[in-house]
Amino acid sequence: MANIPEIVWRSPQGEIVACVEKIKVLRENLEEIRQVCQDALEDAVLMGCDDAQFRTVLTELVQKLENPYKGG
């Protein structure tokens, strides 16, 4: 998991999330996401797609993610 930098996670109120297990889960999730995105990028490039366009599509996809807990 060397590709994922150490991140100081914070709550919406700005408090540091210090639970080791929570940090471990977040780190594992990010590594899984990184690997899936890497595999998808490689597939796109092998199929003749522009890698810059693929990165733009990924960025737009992330921007459209919704928080199902917001406001509740």
N, C-alpha and C. Protein backbone atom coordinates (compact mmCIF):
# COMPACT_ATOMS: atom_id res chain seq x y z
N MET A 1 0.82 -1.20 0.00
CA MET A 1 0.00 0.00 0.00
C MET A 1 0.86 1.26 0.00
N ALA A 2 2.02 1.15 -0.57
CA ALA A 2 2.96 2.26 -0.57
C ALA A 2 2.48 3.43 -1.43
N ASN A 3 1.54 3.20 -2.35
CA ASN A 3 1.08 4.26 -3.23
C ASN A 3 0.08 5.20 -2.57
N ILE A 4 -0.45 4.81 -1.44
CA ILE A 4 -1.41 5.64 -0.72
C ILE A 4 -0.67 6.42 0.36
N PRO A 5 -0.69 7.76 0.28
CA PRO A 5 0.03 8.54 1.29
C PRO A 5 -0.65 8.47 2.65
N GLU A 6 0.10 8.76 3.69
CA GLU A 6 -0.47 8.85 5.03
C GLU A 6 -1.39 10.06 5.05
N ILE A 7 -2.61 9.86 5.49
CA ILE A 7 -3.61 10.92 5.50
C ILE A 7 -4.11 11.10 6.92
N VAL A 8 -4.22 12.35 7.35
CA VAL A 8 -4.85 12.65 8.64
C VAL A 8 -6.33 12.86 8.32
N TRP A 9 -7.15 11.86 8.68
CA TRP A 9 -8.58 11.92 8.42
C TRP A 9 -9.26 12.78 9.47
N ARG A 10 -10.24 13.54 9.03
CA ARG A 10 -10.96 14.44 9.92
C ARG A 10 -12.46 14.24 9.78
N SER A 11 -13.17 14.47 10.87
CA SER A 11 -14.63 14.43 10.87
C SER A 11 -15.14 15.72 10.21
N PRO A 12 -16.43 15.80 9.91
CA PRO A 12 -16.97 17.05 9.35
C PRO A 12 -16.77 18.25 10.29
N GLN A 13 -16.59 17.97 11.58
CA GLN A 13 -16.36 19.05 12.55
C GLN A 13 -14.88 19.40 12.68
N GLY A 14 -14.02 18.68 11.95
CA GLY A 14 -12.60 18.97 11.97
C GLY A 14 -11.80 18.16 12.97
N GLU A 15 -12.47 17.29 13.72
CA GLU A 15 -11.76 16.47 14.69
C GLU A 15 -11.01 15.34 13.98
N ILE A 16 -9.85 14.99 14.50
CA ILE A 16 -9.04 13.92 13.91
C ILE A 16 -9.69 12.57 14.19
N VAL A 17 -9.79 11.75 13.15
CA VAL A 17 -10.26 10.37 13.30
C VAL A 17 -9.02 9.56 13.67
N ALA A 18 -8.99 9.06 14.90
CA ALA A 18 -7.79 8.42 15.42
C ALA A 18 -7.91 6.91 15.57
N CYS A 19 -9.09 6.34 15.33
CA CYS A 19 -9.29 4.91 15.49
C CYS A 19 -8.45 4.14 14.47
N VAL A 20 -7.56 3.30 14.96
CA VAL A 20 -6.64 2.55 14.10
C VAL A 20 -7.39 1.68 13.10
N GLU A 21 -8.46 1.03 13.54
CA GLU A 21 -9.23 0.16 12.65
C GLU A 21 -9.92 0.95 11.54
N LYS A 22 -10.45 2.12 11.88
CA LYS A 22 -11.10 2.96 10.87
C LYS A 22 -10.08 3.42 9.83
N ILE A 23 -8.93 3.83 10.29
CA ILE A 23 -7.86 4.28 9.38
C ILE A 23 -7.41 3.13 8.49
N LYS A 24 -7.31 1.94 9.07
CA LYS A 24 -6.92 0.76 8.30
C LYS A 24 -7.94 0.47 7.19
N VAL A 25 -9.23 0.53 7.51
CA VAL A 25 -10.28 0.28 6.52
C VAL A 25 -10.23 1.33 5.41
N LEU A 26 -10.08 2.59 5.78
CA LEU A 26 -9.99 3.66 4.79
C LEU A 26 -8.81 3.44 3.85
N ARG A 27 -7.68 3.08 4.41
CA ARG A 27 -6.47 2.84 3.62
C ARG A 27 -6.65 1.66 2.67
N GLU A 28 -7.25 0.58 3.18
CA GLU A 28 -7.50 -0.60 2.34
C GLU A 28 -8.48 -0.26 1.21
N ASN A 29 -9.52 0.51 1.53
CA ASN A 29 -10.48 0.91 0.50
C ASN A 29 -9.80 1.74 -0.59
N LEU A 30 -8.96 2.68 -0.18
CA LEU A 30 -8.27 3.50 -1.17
C LEU A 30 -7.34 2.68 -2.05
N GLU A 31 -6.68 1.71 -1.48
CA GLU A 31 -5.79 0.86 -2.27
C GLU A 31 -6.60 0.03 -3.27
N GLU A 32 -7.74 -0.49 -2.85
CA GLU A 32 -8.60 -1.24 -3.77
C GLU A 32 -9.08 -0.34 -4.90
N ILE A 33 -9.51 0.87 -4.57
CA ILE A 33 -9.96 1.82 -5.59
C ILE A 33 -8.82 2.15 -6.55
N ARG A 34 -7.62 2.38 -6.01
CA ARG A 34 -6.47 2.68 -6.85
C ARG A 34 -6.20 1.55 -7.83
N GLN A 35 -6.26 0.31 -7.34
CA GLN A 35 -5.97 -0.83 -8.20
C GLN A 35 -7.04 -1.01 -9.28
N VAL A 36 -8.31 -0.85 -8.93
CA VAL A 36 -9.38 -0.96 -9.92
C VAL A 36 -9.24 0.13 -10.98
N CYS A 37 -8.94 1.35 -10.55
CA CYS A 37 -8.75 2.46 -11.49
C CYS A 37 -7.54 2.21 -12.39
N GLN A 38 -6.46 1.70 -11.82
CA GLN A 38 -5.27 1.38 -12.61
C GLN A 38 -5.58 0.33 -13.67
N ASP A 39 -6.29 -0.72 -13.27
CA ASP A 39 -6.67 -1.78 -14.22
C ASP A 39 -7.56 -1.22 -15.33
N ALA A 40 -8.53 -0.37 -14.96
CA ALA A 40 -9.43 0.20 -15.95
C ALA A 40 -8.68 1.14 -16.90
N LEU A 41 -7.73 1.91 -16.38
CA LEU A 41 -6.92 2.77 -17.24
C LEU A 41 -6.13 1.95 -18.24
N GLU A 42 -5.51 0.89 -17.76
CA GLU A 42 -4.73 0.03 -18.66
C GLU A 42 -5.61 -0.59 -19.74
N ASP A 43 -6.82 -1.03 -19.36
CA ASP A 43 -7.74 -1.57 -20.35
C ASP A 43 -8.10 -0.53 -21.40
N ALA A 44 -8.41 0.68 -20.93
CA ALA A 44 -8.79 1.76 -21.86
C ALA A 44 -7.66 2.06 -22.84
N VAL A 45 -6.44 2.15 -22.33
CA VAL A 45 -5.29 2.44 -23.20
C VAL A 45 -5.07 1.30 -24.20
N LEU A 46 -5.17 0.06 -23.73
CA LEU A 46 -5.00 -1.09 -24.62
C LEU A 46 -6.07 -1.12 -25.71
N MET A 47 -7.25 -0.55 -25.42
CA MET A 47 -8.33 -0.51 -26.41
C MET A 47 -8.27 0.74 -27.28
N GLY A 48 -7.21 1.53 -27.11
CA GLY A 48 -6.98 2.68 -27.97
C GLY A 48 -7.53 3.99 -27.47
N CYS A 49 -7.97 4.05 -26.22
CA CYS A 49 -8.50 5.31 -25.67
C CYS A 49 -7.37 6.20 -25.18
N ASP A 50 -7.65 7.49 -25.15
CA ASP A 50 -6.69 8.48 -24.65
C ASP A 50 -6.68 8.44 -23.12
N ASP A 51 -5.50 8.29 -22.54
CA ASP A 51 -5.43 8.17 -21.08
C ASP A 51 -5.87 9.46 -20.39
N ALA A 52 -5.61 10.63 -20.98
CA ALA A 52 -6.02 11.89 -20.37
C ALA A 52 -7.55 11.98 -20.32
N GLN A 53 -8.21 11.54 -21.38
CA GLN A 53 -9.67 11.55 -21.39
C GLN A 53 -10.21 10.60 -20.33
N PHE A 54 -9.59 9.43 -20.20
CA PHE A 54 -10.04 8.46 -19.21
C PHE A 54 -9.91 9.04 -17.80
N ARG A 55 -8.80 9.73 -17.54
CA ARG A 55 -8.61 10.35 -16.22
C ARG A 55 -9.68 11.42 -15.96
N THR A 56 -10.05 12.16 -16.99
CA THR A 56 -11.10 13.18 -16.86
C THR A 56 -12.43 12.52 -16.52
N VAL A 57 -12.73 11.41 -17.18
CA VAL A 57 -13.98 10.69 -16.90
C VAL A 57 -13.98 10.19 -15.45
N LEU A 58 -12.85 9.65 -14.99
CA LEU A 58 -12.76 9.19 -13.59
C LEU A 58 -12.97 10.34 -12.62
N THR A 59 -12.37 11.47 -12.90
CA THR A 59 -12.53 12.65 -12.04
C THR A 59 -13.98 13.07 -11.97
N GLU A 60 -14.65 13.10 -13.12
CA GLU A 60 -16.07 13.46 -13.15
C GLU A 60 -16.91 12.45 -12.37
N LEU A 61 -16.56 11.19 -12.49
CA LEU A 61 -17.28 10.14 -11.77
C LEU A 61 -17.17 10.35 -10.27
N VAL A 62 -15.98 10.65 -9.79
CA VAL A 62 -15.76 10.88 -8.36
C VAL A 62 -16.54 12.12 -7.90
N GLN A 63 -16.54 13.16 -8.71
CA GLN A 63 -17.25 14.39 -8.35
C GLN A 63 -18.75 14.17 -8.21
N LYS A 64 -19.28 13.15 -8.89
CA LYS A 64 -20.73 12.89 -8.85
C LYS A 64 -21.14 11.90 -7.77
N LEU A 65 -20.18 11.40 -6.99
CA LEU A 65 -20.53 10.50 -5.89
C LEU A 65 -21.40 11.25 -4.89
N GLU A 66 -22.41 10.56 -4.36
CA GLU A 66 -23.33 11.19 -3.43
C GLU A 66 -23.16 10.62 -2.03
N ASN A 67 -23.25 11.47 -1.04
CA ASN A 67 -23.22 11.08 0.36
C ASN A 67 -24.63 10.70 0.78
N PRO A 68 -24.92 9.41 0.99
CA PRO A 68 -26.27 9.01 1.34
C PRO A 68 -26.68 9.40 2.78
N TYR A 69 -25.72 9.85 3.57
CA TYR A 69 -25.98 10.19 4.97
C TYR A 69 -26.09 11.68 5.21
N LYS A 70 -25.84 12.48 4.18
CA LYS A 70 -25.86 13.93 4.32
C LYS A 70 -27.26 14.42 4.69
N GLY A 71 -27.30 15.25 5.70
CA GLY A 71 -28.57 15.84 6.13
C GLY A 71 -29.39 14.95 7.06
N GLY A 72 -28.82 13.78 7.39
CA GLY A 72 -29.63 12.87 8.20
C GLY A 72 -29.13 12.64 9.54
